[in-house]
N, C-alpha and C. Protein backbone atom coordinates (compact mmCIF):
# COMPACT_ATOMS: atom_id res chain seq x y z
N UNK A 1 0.64 -1.21 0.03
CA UNK A 1 -0.40 0.08 0.01
C UNK A 1 0.76 0.86 0.19
N UNK A 2 1.95 1.15 0.73
CA UNK A 2 3.02 2.43 0.96
C UNK A 2 3.58 2.87 -0.48
N UNK A 3 4.02 1.36 -1.17
CA UNK A 3 4.24 1.56 -2.48
C UNK A 3 3.62 2.20 -3.66
N UNK A 4 2.24 1.85 -3.52
CA UNK A 4 1.32 2.27 -4.06
C UNK A 4 0.70 3.71 -4.02
N UNK A 5 1.02 3.90 -2.54
CA UNK A 5 1.34 5.97 -2.68
C UNK A 5 2.24 6.90 -2.98
N UNK A 6 3.38 6.23 -2.83
CA UNK A 6 4.23 6.86 -3.91
C UNK A 6 4.78 6.86 -4.96
N UNK A 7 4.05 5.58 -5.59
CA UNK A 7 4.02 6.11 -6.92
C UNK A 7 3.00 6.74 -7.34
N UNK A 8 1.72 6.91 -6.66
CA UNK A 8 0.86 7.95 -7.41
C UNK A 8 1.59 9.03 -7.02
N UNK A 9 2.38 9.52 -5.67
CA UNK A 9 2.49 10.59 -5.74
C UNK A 9 3.68 11.01 -6.77
N UNK A 10 4.43 10.18 -7.08
CA UNK A 10 5.43 10.76 -7.80
C UNK A 10 4.90 10.77 -9.39
N UNK A 11 3.80 10.29 -10.17
CA UNK A 11 3.04 10.56 -10.99
C UNK A 11 2.56 11.87 -10.88
N UNK A 12 1.88 12.36 -9.82
CA UNK A 12 1.00 13.67 -9.60
C UNK A 12 1.34 14.91 -9.82
N UNK A 13 1.27 15.90 -11.01
CA UNK A 13 2.20 16.80 -11.32
C UNK A 13 2.30 17.38 -9.91
N UNK A 14 3.47 18.13 -9.89
CA UNK A 14 3.57 18.95 -9.17
C UNK A 14 3.38 21.00 -9.52
N UNK A 15 2.42 21.46 -7.68
CA UNK A 15 2.04 22.45 -8.03
C UNK A 15 2.93 23.41 -7.84
N UNK A 16 4.13 23.24 -7.73
CA UNK A 16 5.21 24.36 -7.97
C UNK A 16 5.65 24.29 -9.42
N UNK A 17 5.79 23.29 -9.98
CA UNK A 17 5.90 23.49 -11.55
C UNK A 17 4.70 23.94 -12.42
N UNK A 18 3.68 24.14 -12.15
CA UNK A 18 2.76 24.15 -12.65
C UNK A 18 2.03 26.07 -12.75
N UNK A 19 2.64 26.68 -11.27
CA UNK A 19 2.36 27.62 -10.81
C UNK A 19 3.52 29.11 -12.21
N UNK A 20 2.96 29.92 -12.85
CA UNK A 20 3.51 30.49 -13.87
C UNK A 20 4.29 31.56 -13.13
N UNK A 21 5.93 31.55 -13.86
CA UNK A 21 6.76 32.47 -13.93
C UNK A 21 5.94 33.75 -14.09
N UNK A 22 7.08 34.55 -12.85
CA UNK A 22 6.56 35.97 -12.68
C UNK A 22 7.44 37.09 -13.80
N UNK A 23 6.49 37.55 -14.59
CA UNK A 23 7.37 37.89 -15.19
C UNK A 23 8.52 38.98 -15.22
N UNK A 24 9.57 38.70 -15.29
CA UNK A 24 11.13 39.28 -15.28
C UNK A 24 10.71 40.82 -15.24
N UNK A 25 11.42 42.16 -14.43
CA UNK A 25 11.42 43.47 -14.34
C UNK A 25 13.23 43.60 -14.97
N UNK A 26 12.83 44.29 -16.00
CA UNK A 26 14.42 44.54 -16.32
C UNK A 26 14.57 45.88 -15.17
N UNK A 27 16.14 45.78 -15.56
CA UNK A 27 16.89 46.86 -14.26
C UNK A 27 17.09 48.27 -14.93
N UNK A 28 17.58 48.88 -14.77
CA UNK A 28 17.68 50.55 -15.56
C UNK A 28 18.85 50.33 -16.19
N UNK A 29 18.86 51.36 -17.64
CA UNK A 29 20.12 51.10 -18.74
C UNK A 29 19.69 52.71 -18.71
N UNK A 30 21.30 53.46 -19.51
CA UNK A 30 21.27 54.23 -19.11
C UNK A 30 20.87 54.76 -21.13
N UNK A 31 20.40 55.96 -20.87
CA UNK A 31 19.46 56.63 -21.94
C UNK A 31 18.10 56.31 -21.59
N UNK A 32 17.74 55.26 -20.92
CA UNK A 32 16.10 54.52 -20.69
C UNK A 32 15.58 55.17 -19.31
N UNK A 33 14.20 56.20 -19.14
CA UNK A 33 14.09 55.81 -17.50
C UNK A 33 12.35 55.37 -17.93
N UNK A 34 12.49 54.24 -16.73
CA UNK A 34 11.27 53.02 -16.82
C UNK A 34 10.04 54.30 -15.95
N UNK A 35 9.38 53.46 -16.48
CA UNK A 35 7.90 54.02 -15.68
C UNK A 35 6.74 53.14 -15.28
N UNK A 36 5.96 53.16 -14.38
CA UNK A 36 5.43 52.25 -13.96
C UNK A 36 4.02 52.85 -13.84
N UNK A 37 3.30 51.84 -14.42
CA UNK A 37 1.91 52.61 -14.71
C UNK A 37 0.85 51.50 -13.63
N UNK A 38 -0.42 52.24 -13.35
CA UNK A 38 -0.89 51.19 -12.70
C UNK A 38 -2.64 51.33 -12.97
N UNK A 39 -3.34 50.19 -13.32
CA UNK A 39 -4.73 50.55 -14.28
C UNK A 39 -5.60 49.51 -13.22
N UNK A 40 -6.94 49.98 -13.60
CA UNK A 40 -7.97 49.31 -12.68
C UNK A 40 -8.20 47.45 -13.37
N UNK A 41 -7.08 47.39 -14.87
CA UNK A 41 -6.31 45.99 -15.43
C UNK A 41 -5.60 45.38 -15.09
N UNK A 42 -4.87 45.97 -14.33
CA UNK A 42 -3.24 45.57 -13.72
C UNK A 42 -2.01 46.40 -14.10
N UNK A 43 -1.24 46.07 -13.72
CA UNK A 43 0.09 46.92 -13.69
C UNK A 43 0.68 46.30 -15.09
N UNK A 44 1.83 47.97 -15.67
CA UNK A 44 2.59 47.63 -16.63
C UNK A 44 3.59 48.33 -16.55
N UNK A 45 4.75 48.43 -17.50
CA UNK A 45 5.72 49.22 -17.20
C UNK A 45 6.51 49.31 -18.66
N UNK A 46 6.83 51.14 -18.99
CA UNK A 46 7.19 51.26 -19.87
C UNK A 46 8.84 51.58 -19.97
N UNK A 47 9.97 51.62 -21.51
CA UNK A 47 10.79 51.75 -20.92
C UNK A 47 10.70 53.42 -22.35
N UNK A 48 11.13 54.31 -21.29
CA UNK A 48 11.20 55.59 -22.00
C UNK A 48 12.64 55.92 -22.93
N UNK A 49 12.47 56.17 -24.18
CA UNK A 49 13.82 56.29 -24.52
C UNK A 49 14.54 57.94 -25.31
N UNK A 50 15.15 58.24 -23.91
CA UNK A 50 15.54 59.56 -23.73
C UNK A 50 16.01 59.86 -24.91
N UNK A 51 16.80 59.39 -24.78
CA UNK A 51 18.09 59.64 -26.24
C UNK A 51 18.00 59.50 -27.42
N UNK A 52 16.93 58.82 -28.11
CA UNK A 52 16.70 58.95 -29.48
C UNK A 52 15.39 59.77 -29.55
N UNK A 53 14.49 60.30 -28.63
CA UNK A 53 13.26 60.62 -28.70
C UNK A 53 13.27 61.75 -27.46
N UNK A 54 14.39 62.56 -27.08
CA UNK A 54 14.40 63.58 -26.53
C UNK A 54 13.26 64.21 -26.18
N UNK A 55 12.82 65.04 -27.01
CA UNK A 55 11.60 66.17 -26.69
C UNK A 55 10.23 64.86 -26.10
N UNK A 56 10.12 64.11 -27.24
CA UNK A 56 8.87 63.58 -27.02
C UNK A 56 8.78 62.89 -25.74
N UNK A 57 10.45 62.24 -24.96
CA UNK A 57 10.36 61.75 -23.90
C UNK A 57 9.75 62.24 -22.85
N UNK A 58 10.62 64.06 -23.18
CA UNK A 58 10.53 64.98 -22.18
C UNK A 58 9.04 65.30 -21.44
N UNK A 59 8.24 65.27 -22.43
CA UNK A 59 7.30 65.87 -23.02
C UNK A 59 6.13 64.74 -22.28
N UNK A 60 6.59 63.73 -22.69
CA UNK A 60 5.16 62.42 -21.73
C UNK A 60 6.06 62.21 -20.21
N UNK A 61 7.55 62.54 -19.86
CA UNK A 61 7.68 61.95 -18.35
C UNK A 61 7.30 63.75 -17.58
N UNK A 62 7.03 65.00 -18.50
CA UNK A 62 6.43 65.83 -17.92
C UNK A 62 4.78 65.28 -17.37
N UNK A 63 4.33 64.71 -18.17
CA UNK A 63 2.35 64.48 -17.54
C UNK A 63 2.90 63.22 -16.41
N UNK A 64 3.70 62.60 -16.38
CA UNK A 64 4.42 61.63 -15.12
C UNK A 64 4.98 62.25 -14.17
N UNK A 65 5.59 62.90 -14.43
CA UNK A 65 6.03 64.16 -13.16
C UNK A 65 5.23 64.85 -12.81
N UNK A 66 4.51 65.66 -13.26
CA UNK A 66 3.10 66.40 -12.63
C UNK A 66 2.22 65.22 -12.12
N UNK A 67 2.34 64.11 -12.73
CA UNK A 67 0.66 63.21 -12.05
C UNK A 67 -0.40 64.00 -13.04
N UNK A 68 -0.33 64.32 -13.97
CA UNK A 68 -1.27 64.50 -14.98
C UNK A 68 -2.08 63.07 -15.45
N UNK A 69 -1.43 62.30 -15.67
CA UNK A 69 -1.89 61.01 -15.79
C UNK A 69 -2.66 60.50 -14.87
N UNK A 70 -2.35 60.84 -13.84
CA UNK A 70 -3.07 59.98 -12.44
C UNK A 70 -4.86 60.44 -12.50
N UNK A 71 -5.44 59.72 -12.56
CA UNK A 71 -6.90 59.54 -12.75
C UNK A 71 -7.96 59.73 -13.66
N UNK A 72 -6.67 59.86 -15.16
CA UNK A 72 -7.11 59.54 -16.29
C UNK A 72 -7.57 58.09 -16.92
N UNK A 73 -7.58 57.55 -18.14
CA UNK A 73 -8.32 56.04 -18.42
C UNK A 73 -7.11 56.05 -19.79
N UNK A 74 -7.14 54.54 -19.92
CA UNK A 74 -7.51 54.00 -21.29
C UNK A 74 -8.35 53.97 -21.98
N UNK A 75 -9.10 54.76 -22.92
CA UNK A 75 -10.37 54.57 -23.25
C UNK A 75 -10.17 54.35 -24.78
N UNK A 76 -9.56 53.85 -25.43
CA UNK A 76 -9.82 52.99 -26.95
C UNK A 76 -8.80 51.74 -26.89
N UNK A 77 -9.37 50.94 -27.56
CA UNK A 77 -9.09 49.66 -28.18
C UNK A 77 -9.21 49.52 -29.77
N UNK A 78 -8.35 49.44 -30.12
CA UNK A 78 -8.04 49.34 -31.76
C UNK A 78 -7.98 47.86 -32.11
N UNK A 79 -8.61 46.96 -32.59
CA UNK A 79 -8.23 45.54 -33.04
C UNK A 79 -8.33 45.48 -34.46
N UNK A 80 -7.04 44.99 -34.60
CA UNK A 80 -7.14 44.53 -35.85
C UNK A 80 -8.31 43.68 -36.55
N UNK A 81 -8.92 44.05 -37.77
CA UNK A 81 -10.01 43.10 -38.26
C UNK A 81 -9.38 41.87 -38.61
N UNK A 82 -8.24 41.62 -39.11
CA UNK A 82 -7.57 40.57 -39.48
C UNK A 82 -7.35 39.54 -38.25
N UNK A 83 -6.87 39.80 -37.29
CA UNK A 83 -6.54 39.15 -35.95
C UNK A 83 -7.26 40.19 -34.50
N UNK A 84 -7.66 39.46 -34.33
CA UNK A 84 -8.99 40.82 -33.34
C UNK A 84 -7.56 40.83 -31.74
N UNK A 85 -6.80 40.07 -31.40
CA UNK A 85 -6.06 39.98 -30.74
C UNK A 85 -4.76 41.01 -31.20
N UNK A 86 -4.45 41.50 -31.78
CA UNK A 86 -3.59 42.25 -32.20
C UNK A 86 -4.41 44.10 -32.59
N UNK A 87 -3.73 45.05 -32.62
CA UNK A 87 -4.02 46.30 -32.50
C UNK A 87 -3.19 47.41 -31.74
N UNK A 88 -3.98 48.34 -31.18
CA UNK A 88 -3.20 49.04 -29.99
C UNK A 88 -4.42 49.92 -28.84
N UNK A 89 -3.51 50.05 -28.02
CA UNK A 89 -4.61 50.61 -26.89
C UNK A 89 -4.17 51.94 -26.52
N UNK A 90 -4.77 53.08 -25.99
CA UNK A 90 -4.97 54.24 -26.48
C UNK A 90 -5.60 54.34 -24.92
N UNK A 91 -4.61 55.55 -24.55
CA UNK A 91 -4.56 55.94 -22.86
C UNK A 91 -4.42 57.62 -23.48
N UNK A 92 -5.28 58.32 -21.91
CA UNK A 92 -4.32 59.36 -21.75
C UNK A 92 -5.39 60.51 -21.16
N UNK A 93 -5.20 62.04 -21.35
CA UNK A 93 -6.18 62.64 -20.42
C UNK A 93 -7.24 62.73 -21.82
N UNK A 94 -6.87 62.48 -22.67
CA UNK A 94 -8.51 62.75 -23.99
C UNK A 94 -8.28 63.88 -24.15
N UNK A 95 -9.54 64.67 -24.31
CA UNK A 95 -9.44 66.27 -24.36
C UNK A 95 -9.67 66.99 -23.45
N UNK A 96 -8.98 66.24 -21.74
CA UNK A 96 -9.38 67.65 -20.36
C UNK A 96 -8.11 68.61 -21.30
N UNK A 97 -8.77 70.00 -21.09
CA UNK A 97 -7.55 71.01 -21.58
C UNK A 97 -7.02 71.53 -19.81
N UNK A 98 -7.51 70.90 -18.88
CA UNK A 98 -7.15 71.34 -17.30
C UNK A 98 -5.82 70.57 -17.31
N UNK A 99 -5.52 69.31 -18.17
CA UNK A 99 -4.31 68.97 -17.92
C UNK A 99 -3.13 69.04 -18.78
N UNK A 100 -3.61 69.11 -20.15
CA UNK A 100 -2.58 69.43 -20.71
C UNK A 100 -1.84 70.71 -20.58
N UNK A 101 -0.30 69.88 -21.44
CA UNK A 101 0.88 70.62 -21.47
C UNK A 101 0.64 71.22 -23.02
N UNK A 102 1.85 72.14 -23.29
CA UNK A 102 2.06 72.89 -24.68
C UNK A 102 2.40 71.97 -25.49
N UNK A 103 2.46 72.00 -26.91
CA UNK A 103 2.75 70.85 -28.00
C UNK A 103 3.69 70.88 -28.33
N UNK A 104 4.51 70.29 -29.19
CA UNK A 104 6.06 69.90 -29.11
C UNK A 104 5.89 69.76 -30.47
N UNK A 105 7.65 69.89 -31.41
CA UNK A 105 7.76 69.31 -33.10
C UNK A 105 7.63 67.81 -32.49
N UNK A 106 6.89 67.55 -33.66
CA UNK A 106 6.86 66.15 -34.01
C UNK A 106 8.68 65.26 -34.31
N UNK A 107 8.71 64.51 -33.44
CA UNK A 107 9.62 63.47 -33.93
C UNK A 107 9.22 62.09 -34.48
N UNK A 108 9.44 62.42 -35.89
CA UNK A 108 9.38 61.18 -36.29
C UNK A 108 10.08 60.21 -36.39
N UNK A 109 10.03 59.11 -36.54
CA UNK A 109 10.67 57.52 -36.82
C UNK A 109 12.05 57.95 -37.68
N UNK A 110 11.76 58.57 -38.48
CA UNK A 110 12.98 58.39 -39.42
C UNK A 110 14.19 59.64 -38.79
N UNK A 111 13.43 60.18 -37.46
CA UNK A 111 14.56 61.13 -36.97
C UNK A 111 15.26 60.84 -36.07
N UNK A 112 14.15 59.38 -35.39
CA UNK A 112 14.61 58.64 -34.31
C UNK A 112 15.07 57.69 -34.27
N UNK A 113 14.75 56.81 -35.03
CA UNK A 113 15.21 55.22 -35.83
C UNK A 113 14.17 54.69 -34.78
N UNK A 114 12.59 55.00 -33.91
CA UNK A 114 12.52 54.02 -33.34
C UNK A 114 10.91 53.81 -33.76
N UNK A 115 11.01 52.39 -35.03
CA UNK A 115 9.71 52.37 -35.35
C UNK A 115 8.78 51.67 -34.45
N UNK A 116 7.66 51.67 -35.32
CA UNK A 116 6.39 51.13 -34.69
C UNK A 116 6.28 49.52 -34.70
N UNK A 117 7.10 48.52 -33.84
CA UNK A 117 7.23 47.60 -33.76
C UNK A 117 6.47 46.96 -32.61
N UNK A 118 6.15 45.62 -32.32
CA UNK A 118 5.23 45.22 -31.63
C UNK A 118 5.49 45.29 -29.90
N UNK A 119 4.59 45.95 -29.44
CA UNK A 119 5.20 46.49 -28.07
C UNK A 119 5.57 48.06 -27.80
N UNK A 120 5.17 48.79 -28.79
CA UNK A 120 5.68 49.92 -28.95
C UNK A 120 5.05 51.16 -28.83
N UNK A 121 6.00 52.02 -27.55
CA UNK A 121 4.81 53.48 -27.22
C UNK A 121 4.83 54.10 -28.06
N UNK A 122 4.20 54.68 -28.45
CA UNK A 122 4.30 56.38 -29.26
C UNK A 122 2.86 57.68 -28.93
N UNK A 123 3.04 58.33 -29.65
CA UNK A 123 2.18 59.39 -29.19
C UNK A 123 0.84 59.85 -30.14
N UNK A 124 -0.05 59.58 -29.82
CA UNK A 124 -1.17 59.87 -30.11
C UNK A 124 -1.45 61.25 -30.93
N UNK A 125 -1.67 61.43 -31.76
CA UNK A 125 -1.71 62.84 -32.26
C UNK A 125 -3.45 63.59 -32.91
N UNK A 126 -3.75 64.53 -33.67
CA UNK A 126 -4.23 65.28 -34.72
C UNK A 126 -3.90 65.06 -36.05
N UNK A 127 -4.63 65.80 -36.79
CA UNK A 127 -4.16 66.17 -38.14
C UNK A 127 -2.90 66.59 -38.00
N UNK A 128 -2.82 67.82 -37.11
CA UNK A 128 -1.70 68.60 -37.15
C UNK A 128 -0.79 67.83 -36.48
N UNK A 129 0.74 67.75 -37.27
CA UNK A 129 1.77 66.49 -36.92
C UNK A 129 2.54 67.13 -35.70
N UNK A 130 2.36 68.38 -35.03
CA UNK A 130 2.67 68.86 -33.66
C UNK A 130 1.64 69.12 -32.89
N UNK A 131 0.48 68.02 -32.73
CA UNK A 131 -0.39 68.44 -32.24
C UNK A 131 -0.40 67.07 -30.58
N UNK A 132 0.39 66.38 -31.21
CA UNK A 132 0.67 65.17 -30.07
C UNK A 132 1.04 65.69 -28.39
N UNK A 133 0.57 65.29 -27.73
CA UNK A 133 0.57 65.83 -25.97
C UNK A 133 0.34 64.51 -24.81
N UNK A 134 -0.95 64.76 -24.60
CA UNK A 134 -0.92 64.03 -23.13
C UNK A 134 -2.00 62.50 -23.50
N UNK A 135 -1.68 62.38 -24.72
CA UNK A 135 -1.88 60.57 -25.17
C UNK A 135 -1.41 59.85 -25.92
N UNK A 136 -1.02 58.83 -25.89
CA UNK A 136 -0.24 57.59 -26.01
C UNK A 136 -0.98 56.42 -26.08
N UNK A 137 -0.04 56.06 -27.36
CA UNK A 137 -0.62 54.16 -27.62
C UNK A 137 0.31 53.29 -27.35
N UNK A 138 0.00 51.64 -27.12
CA UNK A 138 0.60 51.26 -26.74
C UNK A 138 -0.16 49.74 -27.99
N UNK A 139 1.36 49.52 -29.05
CA UNK A 139 1.03 48.76 -29.71
C UNK A 139 0.69 47.03 -29.27
N UNK A 140 0.31 46.22 -29.85
CA UNK A 140 0.28 44.88 -29.83
C UNK A 140 0.13 44.29 -31.06
N UNK A 141 1.57 44.13 -31.35
CA UNK A 141 1.90 43.36 -32.86
C UNK A 141 2.30 44.38 -33.45
N UNK A 142 3.08 44.21 -35.01
CA UNK A 142 3.63 45.21 -35.46
C UNK A 142 2.56 46.45 -36.08
N UNK A 143 2.89 47.47 -36.18
CA UNK A 143 2.09 48.64 -36.67
C UNK A 143 2.90 49.63 -37.94
N UNK A 144 3.35 48.94 -38.85
CA UNK A 144 4.41 50.14 -39.80
C UNK A 144 3.50 50.67 -40.35
N UNK A 145 2.13 51.09 -40.20
CA UNK A 145 1.38 52.17 -40.99
C UNK A 145 1.66 53.04 -40.33
N UNK A 146 2.27 53.29 -38.98
CA UNK A 146 2.41 54.29 -38.09
C UNK A 146 3.63 54.71 -38.22
N UNK A 147 4.68 54.68 -38.98
CA UNK A 147 6.00 55.05 -39.42
C UNK A 147 5.69 56.21 -40.65
N UNK A 148 6.87 56.54 -40.03
CA UNK A 148 7.33 57.68 -41.56
C UNK A 148 7.78 57.27 -42.99
N UNK A 149 6.98 58.05 -43.93
CA UNK A 149 7.51 57.67 -45.08
C UNK A 149 7.08 58.88 -46.45
N UNK A 150 7.72 59.21 -46.97
CA UNK A 150 7.81 59.85 -48.05
C UNK A 150 6.05 60.56 -48.24
N UNK A 151 5.92 61.77 -47.79
CA UNK A 151 4.78 62.70 -47.91
C UNK A 151 3.48 62.01 -46.34
N UNK A 152 4.62 61.18 -45.71
CA UNK A 152 3.40 61.49 -44.56
C UNK A 152 4.69 61.01 -43.08
N UNK A 153 4.22 61.95 -42.30
CA UNK A 153 5.30 61.84 -40.81
C UNK A 153 5.18 60.69 -40.16
N UNK A 154 4.08 60.22 -39.83
CA UNK A 154 3.63 59.12 -38.96
C UNK A 154 3.81 59.32 -38.36
N UNK A 155 3.86 58.68 -37.06
CA UNK A 155 3.57 59.19 -35.54
C UNK A 155 5.05 59.28 -34.75
N UNK A 156 5.17 59.48 -33.63
CA UNK A 156 5.85 59.71 -32.63
C UNK A 156 6.13 58.77 -31.83
N UNK A 157 6.96 58.16 -32.11
CA UNK A 157 7.35 56.33 -31.26
C UNK A 157 8.68 56.84 -30.39
N UNK A 158 8.23 56.34 -28.96
CA UNK A 158 9.43 56.95 -28.59
C UNK A 158 9.93 56.01 -26.89
N UNK A 159 9.25 54.48 -27.46
CA UNK A 159 9.47 53.64 -26.15
C UNK A 159 9.04 52.20 -26.14
N UNK A 160 9.52 51.68 -25.44
CA UNK A 160 8.58 50.66 -25.70
C UNK A 160 8.10 49.87 -23.94
N UNK A 161 7.10 48.85 -24.29
CA UNK A 161 6.82 47.90 -23.50
C UNK A 161 7.59 46.92 -23.22
N UNK A 162 7.82 46.78 -21.36
CA UNK A 162 8.98 45.99 -20.64
C UNK A 162 8.51 44.95 -19.96
N UNK A 163 6.89 45.62 -19.72
CA UNK A 163 6.53 44.64 -18.41
C UNK A 163 4.57 45.12 -18.76
N UNK A 164 4.25 43.81 -18.22
CA UNK A 164 2.51 43.79 -18.50
C UNK A 164 1.91 43.41 -19.43
N UNK A 165 2.45 42.99 -20.37
CA UNK A 165 1.94 42.36 -21.80
C UNK A 165 1.01 41.99 -21.25
N UNK A 166 0.03 41.03 -20.32
CA UNK A 166 -1.09 40.43 -19.86
C UNK A 166 -2.53 41.82 -19.80
N UNK A 167 -1.81 42.91 -19.27
CA UNK A 167 -2.24 44.07 -18.96
C UNK A 167 -3.19 44.92 -19.48
N UNK A 168 -1.74 44.59 -21.20
CA UNK A 168 -2.51 45.18 -22.25
C UNK A 168 -3.21 44.72 -22.72
N UNK A 169 -3.09 43.39 -22.84
CA UNK A 169 -4.11 42.42 -23.73
C UNK A 169 -5.45 42.20 -23.31
N UNK A 170 -5.67 42.53 -21.74
CA UNK A 170 -6.97 42.86 -21.34
C UNK A 170 -7.51 44.01 -21.49
N UNK A 171 -6.87 44.72 -21.85
CA UNK A 171 -7.78 46.20 -22.41
C UNK A 171 -7.51 45.98 -23.73
N UNK A 172 -6.96 45.51 -24.60
CA UNK A 172 -7.14 45.62 -25.80
C UNK A 172 -8.77 44.58 -25.80
N UNK A 173 -9.06 44.16 -25.40
CA UNK A 173 -10.18 43.02 -25.41
C UNK A 173 -11.47 43.67 -24.71
N UNK A 174 -11.15 44.73 -24.08
CA UNK A 174 -12.68 45.22 -23.04
C UNK A 174 -13.14 45.33 -24.67
N UNK A 175 -14.79 45.12 -24.45
CA UNK A 175 -15.82 45.77 -25.51
C UNK A 175 -15.64 46.77 -25.56
N UNK A 176 -16.06 47.34 -26.12
CA UNK A 176 -15.83 48.29 -27.21
C UNK A 176 -17.14 49.13 -28.30
N UNK A 177 -17.24 50.03 -28.37
CA UNK A 177 -17.85 50.69 -28.92
C UNK A 177 -18.02 51.93 -29.59
N UNK A 178 -19.07 52.47 -30.05
CA UNK A 178 -19.50 54.34 -30.23
C UNK A 178 -18.10 54.94 -30.69
N UNK A 179 -17.86 56.01 -30.93
CA UNK A 179 -16.95 56.53 -31.67
C UNK A 179 -17.34 56.83 -32.77
N UNK A 180 -16.75 57.56 -33.59
CA UNK A 180 -16.30 58.52 -34.99
C UNK A 180 -15.26 58.17 -35.92
N UNK A 181 -15.69 57.97 -37.01
CA UNK A 181 -14.77 58.11 -37.65
C UNK A 181 -13.96 57.29 -37.54
N UNK A 182 -12.68 57.68 -37.27
CA UNK A 182 -10.97 56.36 -37.31
C UNK A 182 -11.73 55.77 -35.34
N UNK A 183 -11.99 56.47 -35.06
CA UNK A 183 -12.27 55.85 -33.94
C UNK A 183 -13.86 55.19 -33.97
N UNK A 184 -14.55 54.83 -34.84
CA UNK A 184 -15.85 53.92 -34.90
C UNK A 184 -16.05 53.05 -34.16
N UNK A 185 -16.24 52.58 -33.30
CA UNK A 185 -16.58 50.90 -32.68
C UNK A 185 -15.35 50.73 -31.59
N UNK A 186 -14.52 51.51 -31.46
CA UNK A 186 -12.95 51.05 -30.80
C UNK A 186 -13.10 52.12 -29.18
N UNK A 187 -14.46 52.60 -28.71
CA UNK A 187 -14.09 53.27 -27.49
C UNK A 187 -14.64 51.99 -26.11
N UNK A 188 -13.62 52.26 -25.63
CA UNK A 188 -13.53 51.19 -24.29
C UNK A 188 -14.83 51.74 -23.65
N UNK A 189 -16.24 50.58 -23.85
CA UNK A 189 -17.41 51.08 -23.13
C UNK A 189 -17.54 51.42 -21.59
N UNK A 190 -16.54 50.58 -20.66
CA UNK A 190 -15.83 51.28 -19.30
C UNK A 190 -14.61 51.04 -19.36
N UNK A 191 -14.26 52.22 -19.82
CA UNK A 191 -12.96 52.91 -19.28
C UNK A 191 -11.92 51.89 -18.41
N UNK A 192 -11.03 51.92 -18.71
CA UNK A 192 -10.14 51.14 -17.62
C UNK A 192 -9.32 52.45 -17.13
N UNK A 193 -9.43 52.41 -15.94
CA UNK A 193 -8.74 53.40 -14.89
C UNK A 193 -7.39 53.46 -14.69
N UNK A 194 -6.67 54.90 -15.29
CA UNK A 194 -5.20 54.41 -15.46
C UNK A 194 -4.97 55.36 -14.04
N UNK A 195 -4.81 55.09 -12.94
CA UNK A 195 -4.80 55.50 -11.24
C UNK A 195 -3.75 56.01 -10.96
N UNK A 196 -1.99 55.03 -11.69
CA UNK A 196 -0.83 56.63 -11.46
C UNK A 196 0.35 55.72 -12.19
N UNK A 197 0.51 56.96 -12.37
CA UNK A 197 2.23 56.53 -13.77
C UNK A 197 3.16 57.12 -12.75
N UNK A 198 4.53 56.89 -12.33
CA UNK A 198 5.57 57.21 -11.96
C UNK A 198 6.44 56.40 -11.96
N UNK A 199 7.83 57.24 -12.78
CA UNK A 199 8.79 57.05 -12.95
C UNK A 199 10.02 56.34 -12.28
N UNK A 200 10.56 55.30 -12.15
CA UNK A 200 11.25 54.41 -11.19
C UNK A 200 12.64 54.90 -11.48
N UNK A 201 13.32 55.71 -12.57
CA UNK A 201 14.59 56.16 -12.81
C UNK A 201 14.93 57.22 -12.69
N UNK A 202 15.78 58.34 -12.23
CA UNK A 202 16.05 59.39 -12.34
C UNK A 202 15.90 60.23 -11.32
N UNK A 203 15.34 61.42 -11.40
CA UNK A 203 14.75 62.21 -10.44
C UNK A 203 14.08 62.85 -11.09
N UNK A 204 12.65 62.86 -10.36
CA UNK A 204 11.28 63.46 -10.99
C UNK A 204 11.58 65.25 -11.47
N UNK A 205 10.94 65.54 -12.48
CA UNK A 205 10.97 67.15 -12.96
C UNK A 205 10.00 67.41 -13.31
N UNK A 206 9.30 67.88 -12.23
CA UNK A 206 8.05 68.41 -12.05
C UNK A 206 7.58 70.09 -13.98
N UNK A 207 6.72 70.40 -14.15
CA UNK A 207 7.12 71.25 -15.33
C UNK A 207 6.69 72.56 -14.46
N UNK A 208 5.95 72.63 -13.33
CA UNK A 208 5.87 73.53 -12.44
C UNK A 208 4.65 74.17 -12.43
N UNK A 209 3.96 73.92 -14.32
CA UNK A 209 2.54 74.23 -14.70
C UNK A 209 1.35 73.98 -13.62
N UNK A 210 0.36 75.33 -13.98
CA UNK A 210 -1.14 74.86 -12.74
C UNK A 210 -1.15 73.13 -13.40
N UNK A 211 -2.00 72.84 -12.04
CA UNK A 211 -2.55 71.58 -11.52
C UNK A 211 -4.02 71.70 -11.29
N UNK A 212 -4.60 72.44 -12.71
CA UNK A 212 -6.07 72.71 -12.55
C UNK A 212 -6.86 71.63 -12.28
N UNK A 213 -6.94 70.44 -12.95
CA UNK A 213 -7.58 69.36 -12.33
C UNK A 213 -7.70 69.05 -10.98
N UNK A 214 -6.44 69.27 -10.40
CA UNK A 214 -6.80 69.12 -8.85
C UNK A 214 -7.47 70.68 -8.05
N UNK A 215 -7.78 71.14 -8.42
CA UNK A 215 -8.44 72.71 -8.21
C UNK A 215 -10.08 72.34 -8.39
N UNK A 216 -10.34 71.68 -9.28
CA UNK A 216 -11.81 72.11 -9.94
C UNK A 216 -12.48 70.11 -9.91
N UNK A 217 -10.86 69.59 -9.59
CA UNK A 217 -12.19 67.85 -9.19
C UNK A 217 -11.45 66.70 -10.45
N UNK A 218 -11.45 66.02 -9.89
CA UNK A 218 -11.19 64.79 -11.75
C UNK A 218 -12.67 64.71 -12.13
């Protein structure tokens, strides 16, 4: 009987081996500032490239260091028709003028060399190439259509996702609808809260701009 029990225990799968391994967190690198974002769908981490995209990185980190992203949301899930598990998610201040910082010149992919590959972080913008500000996207799968090409400036890629891919996938899979034009059917019905965004490397550099949203409420 003891032999039978021992044999069954040997055949039983190990619960330790069945546990998923935690996602490795990359360490600091020169020219890279890591930013941890906490959302209602889970955490994620971005690596911001301050060396190759200095203006775009400085803008994004200004929003982070001021706390301008805190209390905003991920509000758009753009899924590929060919593969709904790919596309991009978009988050930030939307049209909240209380949080916006001054615009800055577009740093194209031709200037920075940062192309829109899988897990790329890039600035959202309107038709004006220099209109990027407090909204950003994270790609799930490559998005070469967002790169600069002759006659088209493209979008400003400035970093990549280094942890939290499961979180990004959950946000992309959120039920969506509504919206108009390019946004049609892509607005997340129950927005994913962007609870906080904090830099993990270097010294915070707040812009010193007024935090009007704190005075008027979120």
